[in-house]
Amino acid sequence: MSAIAIVFDSGTGRTKQVAEQIARGAETLEKVETQLFSVEELLKADEAMDELDRFDTILFGSPTYMGTVTADFKRFMDASSGKWMSQAWKDKLTSGFTNSTGLNGDKANLIATLQIFAGQHSMIWISQGTPIGALSEEGHELNRLSSWSGLMTQSESRAQSPHPADLATAFEFGKRVASLTRRWTGD
């Protein structure tokens, strides 16, 4: 069984919706389990961070605030220093995702921040992997924000959830991550 952890922060609930779509996509493949972790729950207890060690893949997601991760997500990153020192996450697969109200909002800076964070942990980065203009089964245009390094999604300022095409992209991204995780683990 391949195991994927999805670590996220979500002030409005929109980034959590993206995390849930990634999990749904991943779980369409056999022999894949996913588990969502909010950074809030991981920061509450020292042993909570240890739970991530059992996963083959750890995905990281944060809303884009002021061009980077949220303060709570940064606290999670800093709290992972013990894992860095022991290289507990070395050779685990990883990637990142973000949501913001702006089409751009400097989301690329956030993804680069997550790539550097993952690199410091000696993790192996998975790119977004969906060509621009590909269509979902429901007819949504995938990767409409043209992101290659990680998953970028957008929510209108008054919307309760991210754009439907971006949620469809998140679903497909979950399938990609699960497929690569299964290949990596030999499942």
Protein backbone atom coordinates (compact mmCIF):
# COMPACT_ATOMS: atom_id res chain seq x y z
CA MET A 1 0.00 0.00 0.00
CA SER A 2 1.36 3.42 -0.98
CA ALA A 3 0.73 6.17 1.57
CA ILE A 4 0.39 9.88 0.82
CA ALA A 5 0.22 12.60 3.49
CA ILE A 6 -1.23 15.97 2.55
CA VAL A 7 -0.07 18.72 4.91
CA PHE A 8 -1.89 22.03 4.51
CA ASP A 9 -2.94 25.31 6.06
CA SER A 10 -6.27 26.86 5.11
CA GLY A 11 -7.55 30.09 6.59
CA THR A 12 -10.77 30.21 4.54
CA GLY A 13 -11.21 26.50 3.83
CA ARG A 14 -10.42 26.86 0.13
CA THR A 15 -6.93 25.35 0.32
CA LYS A 16 -8.42 22.48 2.32
CA GLN A 17 -10.84 21.89 -0.58
CA VAL A 18 -7.85 21.64 -2.92
CA ALA A 19 -6.20 19.15 -0.53
CA GLU A 20 -9.40 17.09 -0.45
CA GLN A 21 -9.57 17.01 -4.26
CA ILE A 22 -5.95 15.86 -4.45
CA ALA A 23 -6.81 13.06 -2.00
CA ARG A 24 -9.89 12.07 -4.02
CA GLY A 25 -7.84 11.88 -7.19
CA ALA A 26 -5.09 9.87 -5.50
CA GLU A 27 -7.56 7.40 -4.04
CA THR A 28 -8.93 6.51 -7.49
CA LEU A 29 -5.85 4.31 -7.85
CA GLU A 30 -5.76 0.94 -6.11
CA LYS A 31 -3.34 0.38 -3.23
CA VAL A 32 -3.18 4.08 -2.30
CA GLU A 33 -4.15 5.63 1.00
CA THR A 34 -4.18 9.33 1.79
CA GLN A 35 -4.40 11.28 5.00
CA LEU A 36 -4.87 15.01 5.44
CA PHE A 37 -3.01 16.90 8.18
CA SER A 38 -3.62 20.53 9.02
CA VAL A 39 -0.49 22.34 10.18
CA GLU A 40 -2.51 23.41 13.21
CA GLU A 41 -2.88 19.80 14.38
CA LEU A 42 0.75 18.99 13.60
CA LEU A 43 1.97 21.94 15.67
CA LYS A 44 -0.12 21.00 18.74
CA ALA A 45 1.98 18.02 19.82
CA ASP A 46 5.60 17.06 19.25
CA GLU A 47 4.73 13.47 18.37
CA ALA A 48 2.24 14.58 15.69
CA MET A 49 5.13 15.42 13.35
CA ASP A 50 6.43 11.85 13.78
CA GLU A 51 3.26 10.55 12.12
CA LEU A 52 4.51 11.90 8.78
CA ASP A 53 7.51 9.56 8.83
CA ARG A 54 5.45 6.54 7.75
CA PHE A 55 4.28 8.11 4.48
CA ASP A 56 5.94 7.51 1.11
CA THR A 57 4.90 10.92 -0.20
CA ILE A 58 4.29 14.16 1.70
CA LEU A 59 2.53 17.00 -0.13
CA PHE A 60 2.63 20.56 1.19
CA GLY A 61 -0.07 23.19 0.64
CA SER A 62 -0.67 26.73 1.79
CA PRO A 63 -2.70 29.71 0.69
CA THR A 64 -0.55 32.40 -0.88
CA TYR A 65 -0.36 35.24 1.64
CA MET A 66 1.81 38.22 0.79
CA GLY A 67 3.60 36.17 -1.87
CA THR A 68 4.55 33.22 0.32
CA VAL A 69 3.26 30.63 2.81
CA THR A 70 1.12 31.58 5.79
CA ALA A 71 2.71 32.28 9.16
CA ASP A 72 1.36 28.97 10.52
CA PHE A 73 2.79 27.04 7.59
CA LYS A 74 6.15 28.71 8.16
CA ARG A 75 5.93 27.65 11.82
CA PHE A 76 5.40 24.07 10.60
CA MET A 77 8.44 24.37 8.33
CA ASP A 78 10.56 25.63 11.22
CA ALA A 79 9.21 22.90 13.53
CA SER A 80 10.42 20.27 11.06
CA SER A 81 14.07 21.04 11.83
CA GLY A 82 14.42 17.84 13.85
CA LYS A 83 13.29 15.86 10.80
CA TRP A 84 15.85 17.79 8.75
CA MET A 85 18.64 17.00 11.20
CA SER A 86 17.87 13.28 11.12
CA GLN A 87 16.99 13.33 7.40
CA ALA A 88 13.79 11.44 8.29
CA TRP A 89 12.09 12.52 5.06
CA LYS A 90 15.03 11.86 2.76
CA ASP A 91 14.02 10.28 -0.57
CA LYS A 92 10.30 10.69 0.09
CA LEU A 93 8.35 12.06 -2.85
CA THR A 94 6.85 15.52 -2.46
CA SER A 95 5.20 18.43 -4.20
CA GLY A 96 3.37 21.60 -3.34
CA PHE A 97 0.11 23.39 -3.97
CA THR A 98 -1.40 26.78 -3.29
CA ASN A 99 -4.57 28.80 -3.67
CA SER A 100 -5.09 32.56 -3.79
CA THR A 101 -7.72 35.02 -4.94
CA GLY A 102 -5.40 36.53 -7.53
CA LEU A 103 -4.66 34.82 -10.81
CA ASN A 104 -0.98 35.36 -10.07
CA GLY A 105 -0.58 36.62 -6.52
CA ASP A 106 3.07 35.56 -6.61
CA LYS A 107 2.06 31.92 -6.25
CA ALA A 108 5.27 30.88 -8.04
CA ASN A 109 7.28 32.28 -5.13
CA LEU A 110 5.31 30.10 -2.71
CA ILE A 111 5.92 26.98 -4.82
CA ALA A 112 9.64 27.84 -5.00
CA THR A 113 9.66 28.23 -1.21
CA LEU A 114 8.17 24.74 -0.86
CA GLN A 115 10.67 23.32 -3.38
CA ILE A 116 13.58 24.72 -1.38
CA PHE A 117 12.05 23.42 1.86
CA ALA A 118 11.67 19.95 0.30
CA GLY A 119 15.20 20.09 -1.10
CA GLN A 120 16.58 20.84 2.34
CA HIS A 121 14.84 17.67 3.54
CA SER A 122 16.42 15.75 0.59
CA MET A 123 12.99 14.97 -0.81
CA ILE A 124 12.20 14.30 -4.48
CA TRP A 125 9.93 16.89 -6.15
CA ILE A 126 7.01 15.98 -8.42
CA SER A 127 6.10 18.58 -11.04
CA GLN A 128 2.51 19.49 -11.87
CA GLY A 129 2.46 17.38 -15.03
CA THR A 130 -0.79 18.45 -16.72
CA PRO A 131 -0.56 20.15 -20.12
CA ILE A 132 -2.39 23.43 -20.59
CA GLY A 133 -5.75 22.91 -22.27
CA ALA A 134 -6.14 19.23 -21.45
CA LEU A 135 -9.75 18.49 -20.55
CA SER A 136 -11.13 16.74 -17.50
CA GLU A 137 -13.86 14.12 -17.86
CA GLU A 138 -16.37 16.88 -17.00
CA GLY A 139 -14.97 19.11 -19.76
CA HIS A 140 -13.03 21.53 -17.52
CA GLU A 141 -9.86 22.97 -19.01
CA LEU A 142 -7.01 21.74 -16.83
CA ASN A 143 -3.97 23.70 -15.69
CA ARG A 144 -5.58 27.00 -16.70
CA LEU A 145 -3.01 28.90 -14.61
CA SER A 146 -0.10 27.37 -16.58
CA SER A 147 1.79 26.04 -13.58
CA TRP A 148 4.53 23.49 -14.12
CA SER A 149 6.44 23.44 -10.86
CA GLY A 150 3.49 22.71 -8.56
CA LEU A 151 -0.29 22.93 -8.38
CA MET A 152 -1.69 26.46 -8.43
CA THR A 153 -5.38 27.20 -7.94
CA GLN A 154 -7.44 30.37 -7.72
CA SER A 155 -10.64 31.44 -5.97
CA GLU A 156 -12.65 34.54 -6.76
CA SER A 157 -12.64 36.83 -3.73
CA ARG A 158 -16.29 36.18 -2.85
CA ALA A 159 -16.38 32.53 -3.90
CA GLN A 160 -16.70 29.78 -1.33
CA SER A 161 -14.44 27.42 -3.28
CA PRO A 162 -11.70 27.46 -5.91
CA HIS A 163 -12.52 27.64 -9.60
CA PRO A 164 -14.10 24.34 -10.78
CA ALA A 165 -11.38 23.86 -13.42
CA ASP A 166 -8.73 24.23 -10.71
CA LEU A 167 -10.45 21.63 -8.52
CA ALA A 168 -10.49 19.31 -11.55
CA THR A 169 -6.76 20.00 -12.00
CA ALA A 170 -6.21 19.16 -8.31
CA PHE A 171 -8.04 15.84 -8.83
CA GLU A 172 -5.80 14.98 -11.80
CA PHE A 173 -2.73 16.09 -9.85
CA GLY A 174 -3.73 13.66 -7.09
CA LYS A 175 -3.88 10.85 -9.65
CA ARG A 176 -0.40 11.80 -10.93
CA VAL A 177 1.07 11.87 -7.43
CA ALA A 178 -0.52 8.50 -6.59
CA SER A 179 0.75 6.92 -9.81
CA LEU A 180 4.29 8.13 -9.18
CA THR A 181 4.11 7.07 -5.53
CA ARG A 182 3.03 3.57 -6.55
CA ARG A 183 5.87 3.42 -9.08
CA TRP A 184 8.33 4.66 -6.43
CA THR A 185 7.21 2.11 -3.83
CA GLY A 186 6.85 -0.78 -6.30
CA ASP A 187 3.11 -1.25 -5.55
